[in-house]
Amino acid sequence: MPELIVRKEGPIGRLIFSNPPKFNAISTEMWQDLPRRFAEMEADPAIRVVVLEGEGEKAFAAGADISKFEGRQGDRDVQKMHEAAVEQGYLSPLMCKKPVIAKIRGVCMGGGLGMAAACDIRICSDDARFRMPAARLGLGYNLTGIRRFIQTIGLQNTYDIFYTARIFNAADAVKMGLVLHCVPPSELDAFADDYARKIAINAPLTIRAMKLASVESLKQAQSPDMEAIAQAIAACAASADHLEGARAFMEKRDPNFQGR
């Protein structure tokens, strides 16, 4: 059963995506659980830093479990419910007043990549593989998510990973600034734990103030045309291309998009 596992080890709080048969694909229920679990970590005075990771050796998270949406992609109520859960999930590490580290091994794609980008710091194993496959699934990506990637890896790199939907490796992730540290798989656990403890021994109020100032500095002064963006995303969700993209993914074949 897909679930978000919670563990507390001294000053380190762990949130673990657990759906191993599907490379830890994130279910709607797991997205919905993220805000509550981050809030629990924030409220616990013993926890100084939160580590987000995937269960097992194969994946951080391989996006959303889209098999549950087969035949329902055009259902606007279902779409809105899922979008709200995903957006609140993405906001959870950003709004958490404690540092959040994404520990990435194996597959980190789609919603998993978006979730990693929402964390403060990313550490990966050198065999990690990344991908943003929205353009292969006919999906729209909202303004908040696009801003998050631009702020993290810059505009040109954001264009690159979204336009091409290519799989890129850990060396590419480091080069574009997505990942801060990259280590051999056998060293990832020890390295990430040591890094988390380096944070945990420092003054919590200083770190909290720094994170608050950083989050506030990223807010945009100008108001974009949210309605136009929402309409463009809704058109993606209701399109035949989105249905074709989902089916092609499930059938492990190349999609045949028609632009409608």
Foldseek 3Di string as FASTA:
>chain_A
DWEWDWDDDFQEIETEGEDVVQQSAAELVRLQCQQVRLVVLLPDPRHQEYEQAYPDQAWRYAYHPCVVCQPPLLVVVVVVSSVVSLVSSLCRQLPRLHAYEYEIHHEQEASSLLSNLSGPAYEYEQAHKYFYQCVLQLAADFPVSLLSVCVQQNDVVSCVRHVVRDIDTPVVCVVSRVHVYYHHSVCRVVVVVVVSVVSRVDDSVVSSVVSVVVSVVSDDPDDDPRVVSVVVRSCSSNDPSNSQSSVCVVVVHGGDDDPD
